[in-house]
Amino acid sequence: MRHPMHLGLLLFPLSLALLIGSLSFILVI
């Protein structure tokens, strides 16, 4: 894959959303 680091970075917003426990952030943002 050409952008493996960006694959990890794609997961960062989800990790933050899960850490703060915001369902709106998890499902939409």
PDB file of all heavy atoms in Angstrom:
ATOM      1  N   MET A   1       0.854  -1.200   0.000  1.00  0.00           N
ATOM      2  CA  MET A   1       0.000   0.000   0.000  1.00  0.00           C
ATOM      3  C   MET A   1       0.883   1.241   0.000  1.00  0.00           C
ATOM      4  O   MET A   1       1.939   1.257   0.607  1.00  0.00           O
ATOM      5  CB  MET A   1      -0.997  -0.002   1.154  1.00  0.00           C
ATOM      6  CG  MET A   1      -0.480   0.353   2.518  1.00  0.00           C
ATOM      7  SD  MET A   1      -1.795   0.521   3.742  1.00  0.00           S
ATOM      8  CE  MET A   1      -1.902  -1.145   4.357  1.00  0.00           C
ATOM      9  N   ARG A   2       0.417   2.272  -0.712  1.00  0.00           N
ATOM     10  CA  ARG A   2       1.229   3.480  -0.862  1.00  0.00           C
ATOM     11  C   ARG A   2       1.184   4.384   0.363  1.00  0.00           C
ATOM     12  O   ARG A   2       2.121   5.138   0.612  1.00  0.00           O
ATOM     13  CB  ARG A   2       0.747   4.292  -2.079  1.00  0.00           C
ATOM     14  CG  ARG A   2       0.981   3.627  -3.384  1.00  0.00           C
ATOM     15  CD  ARG A   2       0.777   4.558  -4.574  1.00  0.00           C
ATOM     16  NE  ARG A   2      -0.393   5.394  -4.576  1.00  0.00           N
ATOM     17  CZ  ARG A   2      -1.565   5.067  -5.132  1.00  0.00           C
ATOM     18  NH1 ARG A   2      -1.716   3.894  -5.725  1.00  0.00           N
ATOM     19  NH2 ARG A   2      -2.579   5.915  -5.109  1.00  0.00           N
ATOM     20  N   HIS A   3       0.113   4.357   1.124  1.00  0.00           N
ATOM     21  CA  HIS A   3      -0.049   5.304   2.230  1.00  0.00           C
ATOM     22  C   HIS A   3      -0.401   4.606   3.545  1.00  0.00           C
ATOM     23  O   HIS A   3      -1.454   4.864   4.137  1.00  0.00           O
ATOM     24  CB  HIS A   3      -1.122   6.335   1.877  1.00  0.00           C
ATOM     25  CG  HIS A   3      -0.771   7.193   0.721  1.00  0.00           C
ATOM     26  ND1 HIS A   3       0.123   8.228   0.814  1.00  0.00           N
ATOM     27  CD2 HIS A   3      -1.171   7.148  -0.577  1.00  0.00           C
ATOM     28  CE1 HIS A   3       0.251   8.802  -0.367  1.00  0.00           C
ATOM     29  NE2 HIS A   3      -0.521   8.157  -1.231  1.00  0.00           N
ATOM     30  N   PRO A   4       0.467   3.729   4.036  1.00  0.00           N
ATOM     31  CA  PRO A   4       0.129   3.030   5.281  1.00  0.00           C
ATOM     32  C   PRO A   4       0.021   3.960   6.486  1.00  0.00           C
ATOM     33  O   PRO A   4      -0.822   3.740   7.352  1.00  0.00           O
ATOM     34  CB  PRO A   4       1.269   2.021   5.443  1.00  0.00           C
ATOM     35  CG  PRO A   4       2.388   2.565   4.632  1.00  0.00           C
ATOM     36  CD  PRO A   4       1.760   3.307   3.493  1.00  0.00           C
ATOM     37  N   MET A   5       0.841   5.018   6.541  1.00  0.00           N
ATOM     38  CA  MET A   5       0.741   5.932   7.676  1.00  0.00           C
ATOM     39  C   MET A   5      -0.613   6.638   7.668  1.00  0.00           C
ATOM     40  O   MET A   5      -1.231   6.823   8.716  1.00  0.00           O
ATOM     41  CB  MET A   5       1.859   6.962   7.668  1.00  0.00           C
ATOM     42  CG  MET A   5       1.836   7.851   8.902  1.00  0.00           C
ATOM     43  SD  MET A   5       3.181   9.015   9.007  1.00  0.00           S
ATOM     44  CE  MET A   5       4.568   7.941   9.314  1.00  0.00           C
ATOM     45  N   HIS A   6      -1.093   6.983   6.487  1.00  0.00           N
ATOM     46  CA  HIS A   6      -2.386   7.646   6.410  1.00  0.00           C
ATOM     47  C   HIS A   6      -3.533   6.703   6.771  1.00  0.00           C
ATOM     48  O   HIS A   6      -4.572   7.155   7.249  1.00  0.00           O
ATOM     49  CB  HIS A   6      -2.593   8.252   5.018  1.00  0.00           C
ATOM     50  CG  HIS A   6      -1.704   9.421   4.777  1.00  0.00           C
ATOM     51  ND1 HIS A   6      -0.518   9.312   4.113  1.00  0.00           N
ATOM     52  CD2 HIS A   6      -1.818  10.711   5.149  1.00  0.00           C
ATOM     53  CE1 HIS A   6       0.054  10.492   4.061  1.00  0.00           C
ATOM     54  NE2 HIS A   6      -0.700  11.358   4.688  1.00  0.00           N
ATOM     55  N   LEU A   7      -3.350   5.415   6.558  1.00  0.00           N
ATOM     56  CA  LEU A   7      -4.363   4.458   7.006  1.00  0.00           C
ATOM     57  C   LEU A   7      -4.520   4.562   8.517  1.00  0.00           C
ATOM     58  O   LEU A   7      -5.636   4.586   9.040  1.00  0.00           O
ATOM     59  CB  LEU A   7      -3.991   3.030   6.595  1.00  0.00           C
ATOM     60  CG  LEU A   7      -4.974   1.955   7.039  1.00  0.00           C
ATOM     61  CD1 LEU A   7      -6.333   2.145   6.383  1.00  0.00           C
ATOM     62  CD2 LEU A   7      -4.432   0.571   6.715  1.00  0.00           C
ATOM     63  N   GLY A   8      -3.401   4.647   9.215  1.00  0.00           N
ATOM     64  CA  GLY A   8      -3.464   4.841  10.664  1.00  0.00           C
ATOM     65  C   GLY A   8      -4.111   6.158  11.040  1.00  0.00           C
ATOM     66  O   GLY A   8      -4.943   6.232  11.949  1.00  0.00           O
ATOM     67  N   LEU A   9      -3.753   7.214  10.312  1.00  0.00           N
ATOM     68  CA  LEU A   9      -4.315   8.529  10.611  1.00  0.00           C
ATOM     69  C   LEU A   9      -5.816   8.594  10.329  1.00  0.00           C
ATOM     70  O   LEU A   9      -6.528   9.373  10.964  1.00  0.00           O
ATOM     71  CB  LEU A   9      -3.573   9.607   9.821  1.00  0.00           C
ATOM     72  CG  LEU A   9      -2.120   9.820  10.237  1.00  0.00           C
ATOM     73  CD1 LEU A   9      -1.453  10.850   9.338  1.00  0.00           C
ATOM     74  CD2 LEU A   9      -1.998  10.207  11.699  1.00  0.00           C
ATOM     75  N   LEU A  10      -6.294   7.763   9.405  1.00  0.00           N
ATOM     76  CA  LEU A  10      -7.742   7.700   9.148  1.00  0.00           C
ATOM     77  C   LEU A  10      -8.503   7.230  10.385  1.00  0.00           C
ATOM     78  O   LEU A  10      -9.669   7.573  10.580  1.00  0.00           O
ATOM     79  CB  LEU A  10      -8.046   6.748   7.991  1.00  0.00           C
ATOM     80  CG  LEU A  10      -7.772   7.259   6.593  1.00  0.00           C
ATOM     81  CD1 LEU A  10      -7.892   6.123   5.589  1.00  0.00           C
ATOM     82  CD2 LEU A  10      -8.716   8.383   6.236  1.00  0.00           C
ATOM     83  N   LEU A  11      -7.838   6.432  11.211  1.00  0.00           N
ATOM     84  CA  LEU A  11      -8.472   5.899  12.418  1.00  0.00           C
ATOM     85  C   LEU A  11      -8.412   6.863  13.603  1.00  0.00           C
ATOM     86  O   LEU A  11      -9.098   6.654  14.599  1.00  0.00           O
ATOM     87  CB  LEU A  11      -7.805   4.575  12.811  1.00  0.00           C
ATOM     88  CG  LEU A  11      -7.937   3.434  11.817  1.00  0.00           C
ATOM     89  CD1 LEU A  11      -7.079   2.252  12.258  1.00  0.00           C
ATOM     90  CD2 LEU A  11      -9.384   3.028  11.663  1.00  0.00           C
ATOM     91  N   PHE A  12      -7.581   7.902  13.494  1.00  0.00           N
ATOM     92  CA  PHE A  12      -7.407   8.804  14.638  1.00  0.00           C
ATOM     93  C   PHE A  12      -8.693   9.520  15.051  1.00  0.00           C
ATOM     94  O   PHE A  12      -9.017   9.559  16.254  1.00  0.00           O
ATOM     95  CB  PHE A  12      -6.274   9.798  14.381  1.00  0.00           C
ATOM     96  CG  PHE A  12      -5.922  10.593  15.602  1.00  0.00           C
ATOM     97  CD1 PHE A  12      -5.273   9.996  16.667  1.00  0.00           C
ATOM     98  CD2 PHE A  12      -6.292  11.917  15.707  1.00  0.00           C
ATOM     99  CE1 PHE A  12      -4.965  10.715  17.810  1.00  0.00           C
ATOM    100  CE2 PHE A  12      -5.994  12.652  16.843  1.00  0.00           C
ATOM    101  CZ  PHE A  12      -5.329  12.049  17.895  1.00  0.00           C
ATOM    102  N   PRO A  13      -9.473  10.106  14.121  1.00  0.00           N
ATOM    103  CA  PRO A  13     -10.732  10.728  14.564  1.00  0.00           C
ATOM    104  C   PRO A  13     -11.668   9.746  15.273  1.00  0.00           C
ATOM    105  O   PRO A  13     -12.296  10.101  16.278  1.00  0.00           O
ATOM    106  CB  PRO A  13     -11.358  11.248  13.262  1.00  0.00           C
ATOM    107  CG  PRO A  13     -10.205  11.441  12.337  1.00  0.00           C
ATOM    108  CD  PRO A  13      -9.230  10.338  12.684  1.00  0.00           C
ATOM    109  N   LEU A  14     -11.728   8.510  14.788  1.00  0.00           N
ATOM    110  CA  LEU A  14     -12.558   7.511  15.450  1.00  0.00           C
ATOM    111  C   LEU A  14     -12.048   7.220  16.857  1.00  0.00           C
ATOM    112  O   LEU A  14     -12.841   7.107  17.803  1.00  0.00           O
ATOM    113  CB  LEU A  14     -12.608   6.217  14.630  1.00  0.00           C
ATOM    114  CG  LEU A  14     -13.376   5.066  15.257  1.00  0.00           C
ATOM    115  CD1 LEU A  14     -14.846   5.436  15.471  1.00  0.00           C
ATOM    116  CD2 LEU A  14     -13.242   3.813  14.418  1.00  0.00           C
ATOM    117  N   SER A  15     -10.728   7.113  17.011  1.00  0.00           N
ATOM    118  CA  SER A  15     -10.188   6.837  18.348  1.00  0.00           C
ATOM    119  C   SER A  15     -10.526   7.969  19.309  1.00  0.00           C
ATOM    120  O   SER A  15     -10.922   7.716  20.446  1.00  0.00           O
ATOM    121  CB  SER A  15      -8.678   6.588  18.293  1.00  0.00           C
ATOM    122  OG  SER A  15      -7.967   7.767  17.991  1.00  0.00           O
ATOM    123  N   LEU A  16     -10.399   9.206  18.857  1.00  0.00           N
ATOM    124  CA  LEU A  16     -10.738  10.345  19.713  1.00  0.00           C
ATOM    125  C   LEU A  16     -12.227  10.346  20.045  1.00  0.00           C
ATOM    126  O   LEU A  16     -12.617  10.573  21.192  1.00  0.00           O
ATOM    127  CB  LEU A  16     -10.334  11.655  19.034  1.00  0.00           C
ATOM    128  CG  LEU A  16     -10.606  12.927  19.815  1.00  0.00           C
ATOM    129  CD1 LEU A  16      -9.889  12.919  21.155  1.00  0.00           C
ATOM    130  CD2 LEU A  16     -10.195  14.140  18.999  1.00  0.00           C
ATOM    131  N   ALA A  17     -13.063  10.064  19.050  1.00  0.00           N
ATOM    132  CA  ALA A  17     -14.508  10.016  19.275  1.00  0.00           C
ATOM    133  C   ALA A  17     -14.864   8.962  20.318  1.00  0.00           C
ATOM    134  O   ALA A  17     -15.700   9.196  21.195  1.00  0.00           O
ATOM    135  CB  ALA A  17     -15.227   9.727  17.955  1.00  0.00           C
ATOM    136  N   LEU A  18     -14.226   7.798  20.221  1.00  0.00           N
ATOM    137  CA  LEU A  18     -14.474   6.733  21.200  1.00  0.00           C
ATOM    138  C   LEU A  18     -13.956   7.122  22.581  1.00  0.00           C
ATOM    139  O   LEU A  18     -14.610   6.843  23.591  1.00  0.00           O
ATOM    140  CB  LEU A  18     -13.829   5.431  20.729  1.00  0.00           C
ATOM    141  CG  LEU A  18     -14.491   4.758  19.531  1.00  0.00           C
ATOM    142  CD1 LEU A  18     -13.567   3.715  18.915  1.00  0.00           C
ATOM    143  CD2 LEU A  18     -15.820   4.146  19.929  1.00  0.00           C
ATOM    144  N   LEU A  19     -12.801   7.756  22.627  1.00  0.00           N
ATOM    145  CA  LEU A  19     -12.230   8.148  23.919  1.00  0.00           C
ATOM    146  C   LEU A  19     -13.131   9.149  24.656  1.00  0.00           C
ATOM    147  O   LEU A  19     -13.290   9.041  25.877  1.00  0.00           O
ATOM    148  CB  LEU A  19     -10.833   8.743  23.736  1.00  0.00           C
ATOM    149  CG  LEU A  19      -9.732   7.754  23.374  1.00  0.00           C
ATOM    150  CD1 LEU A  19      -8.458   8.487  22.988  1.00  0.00           C
ATOM    151  CD2 LEU A  19      -9.473   6.781  24.512  1.00  0.00           C
ATOM    152  N   ILE A  20     -13.703  10.092  23.924  1.00  0.00           N
ATOM    153  CA  ILE A  20     -14.577  11.064  24.605  1.00  0.00           C
ATOM    154  C   ILE A  20     -16.004  10.547  24.737  1.00  0.00           C
ATOM    155  O   ILE A  20     -16.801  11.145  25.440  1.00  0.00           O
ATOM    156  CB  ILE A  20     -14.554  12.455  23.929  1.00  0.00           C
ATOM    157  CG1 ILE A  20     -15.139  12.415  22.533  1.00  0.00           C
ATOM    158  CG2 ILE A  20     -13.159  13.040  23.936  1.00  0.00           C
ATOM    159  CD1 ILE A  20     -15.330  13.785  21.919  1.00  0.00           C
ATOM    160  N   GLY A  21     -16.315   9.445  24.071  1.00  0.00           N
ATOM    161  CA  GLY A  21     -17.639   8.826  24.215  1.00  0.00           C
ATOM    162  C   GLY A  21     -18.753   9.608  23.565  1.00  0.00           C
ATOM    163  O   GLY A  21     -19.858   9.672  24.102  1.00  0.00           O
ATOM    164  N   SER A  22     -18.476  10.208  22.410  1.00  0.00           N
ATOM    165  CA  SER A  22     -19.493  10.988  21.705  1.00  0.00           C
ATOM    166  C   SER A  22     -20.048  10.173  20.550  1.00  0.00           C
ATOM    167  O   SER A  22     -19.371   9.952  19.548  1.00  0.00           O
ATOM    168  CB  SER A  22     -18.887  12.296  21.171  1.00  0.00           C
ATOM    169  OG  SER A  22     -19.783  12.912  20.275  1.00  0.00           O
ATOM    170  N   LEU A  23     -21.292   9.747  20.672  1.00  0.00           N
ATOM    171  CA  LEU A  23     -21.918   8.941  19.634  1.00  0.00           C
ATOM    172  C   LEU A  23     -22.068   9.734  18.328  1.00  0.00           C
ATOM    173  O   LEU A  23     -21.894   9.181  17.242  1.00  0.00           O
ATOM    174  CB  LEU A  23     -23.272   8.414  20.107  1.00  0.00           C
ATOM    175  CG  LEU A  23     -23.872   7.285  19.275  1.00  0.00           C
ATOM    176  CD1 LEU A  23     -22.925   6.096  19.178  1.00  0.00           C
ATOM    177  CD2 LEU A  23     -25.201   6.851  19.861  1.00  0.00           C
ATOM    178  N   SER A  24     -22.340  11.029  18.424  1.00  0.00           N
ATOM    179  CA  SER A  24     -22.431  11.867  17.223  1.00  0.00           C
ATOM    180  C   SER A  24     -21.085  11.921  16.505  1.00  0.00           C
ATOM    181  O   SER A  24     -21.024  11.870  15.276  1.00  0.00           O
ATOM    182  CB  SER A  24     -22.862  13.280  17.590  1.00  0.00           C
ATOM    183  OG  SER A  24     -24.109  13.278  18.221  1.00  0.00           O
ATOM    184  N   PHE A  25     -20.015  12.047  17.271  1.00  0.00           N
ATOM    185  CA  PHE A  25     -18.672  12.074  16.695  1.00  0.00           C
ATOM    186  C   PHE A  25     -18.363  10.714  16.061  1.00  0.00           C
ATOM    187  O   PHE A  25     -17.837  10.642  14.945  1.00  0.00           O
ATOM    188  CB  PHE A  25     -17.661  12.430  17.787  1.00  0.00           C
ATOM    189  CG  PHE A  25     -16.305  12.880  17.317  1.00  0.00           C
ATOM    190  CD1 PHE A  25     -15.398  13.389  18.236  1.00  0.00           C
ATOM    191  CD2 PHE A  25     -15.902  12.813  15.993  1.00  0.00           C
ATOM    192  CE1 PHE A  25     -14.133  13.815  17.847  1.00  0.00           C
ATOM    193  CE2 PHE A  25     -14.641  13.233  15.587  1.00  0.00           C
ATOM    194  CZ  PHE A  25     -13.757  13.735  16.517  1.00  0.00           C
ATOM    195  N   ILE A  26     -18.719   9.637  16.750  1.00  0.00           N
ATOM    196  CA  ILE A  26     -18.445   8.285  16.252  1.00  0.00           C
ATOM    197  C   ILE A  26     -19.193   8.017  14.945  1.00  0.00           C
ATOM    198  O   ILE A  26     -18.607   7.517  13.980  1.00  0.00           O
ATOM    199  CB  ILE A  26     -18.834   7.222  17.316  1.00  0.00           C
ATOM    200  CG1 ILE A  26     -17.931   7.324  18.545  1.00  0.00           C
ATOM    201  CG2 ILE A  26     -18.774   5.810  16.717  1.00  0.00           C
ATOM    202  CD1 ILE A  26     -18.448   6.555  19.766  1.00  0.00           C
ATOM    203  N   LEU A  27     -20.486   8.341  14.904  1.00  0.00           N
ATOM    204  CA  LEU A  27     -21.335   7.963  13.768  1.00  0.00           C
ATOM    205  C   LEU A  27     -21.335   8.944  12.608  1.00  0.00           C
ATOM    206  O   LEU A  27     -21.554   8.542  11.464  1.00  0.00           O
ATOM    207  CB  LEU A  27     -22.781   7.775  14.248  1.00  0.00           C
ATOM    208  CG  LEU A  27     -23.018   6.668  15.254  1.00  0.00           C
ATOM    209  CD1 LEU A  27     -24.472   6.659  15.697  1.00  0.00           C
ATOM    210  CD2 LEU A  27     -22.608   5.314  14.688  1.00  0.00           C
ATOM    211  N   VAL A  28     -21.108  10.237  12.880  1.00  0.00           N
ATOM    212  CA  VAL A  28     -21.238  11.246  11.831  1.00  0.00           C
ATOM    213  C   VAL A  28     -19.913  11.964  11.553  1.00  0.00           C
ATOM    214  O   VAL A  28     -19.424  11.985  10.424  1.00  0.00           O
ATOM    215  CB  VAL A  28     -22.331  12.288  12.201  1.00  0.00           C
ATOM    216  CG1 VAL A  28     -22.435  13.371  11.149  1.00  0.00           C
ATOM    217  CG2 VAL A  28     -23.675  11.607  12.407  1.00  0.00           C
ATOM    218  N   ILE A  29     -19.338  12.551  12.580  1.00  0.00           N
ATOM    219  CA  ILE A  29     -18.190  13.441  12.378  1.00  0.00           C
ATOM    220  C   ILE A  29     -16.924  12.672  12.011  1.00  0.00           C
ATOM    221  O   ILE A  29     -16.220  13.049  11.060  1.00  0.00           O
ATOM    222  CB  ILE A  29     -17.978  14.320  13.629  1.00  0.00           C
ATOM    223  CG1 ILE A  29     -19.232  15.172  13.865  1.00  0.00           C
ATOM    224  CG2 ILE A  29     -16.742  15.205  13.475  1.00  0.00           C
ATOM    225  CD1 ILE A  29     -19.312  15.802  15.224  1.00  0.00           C
TER     226      ILE A  29
END
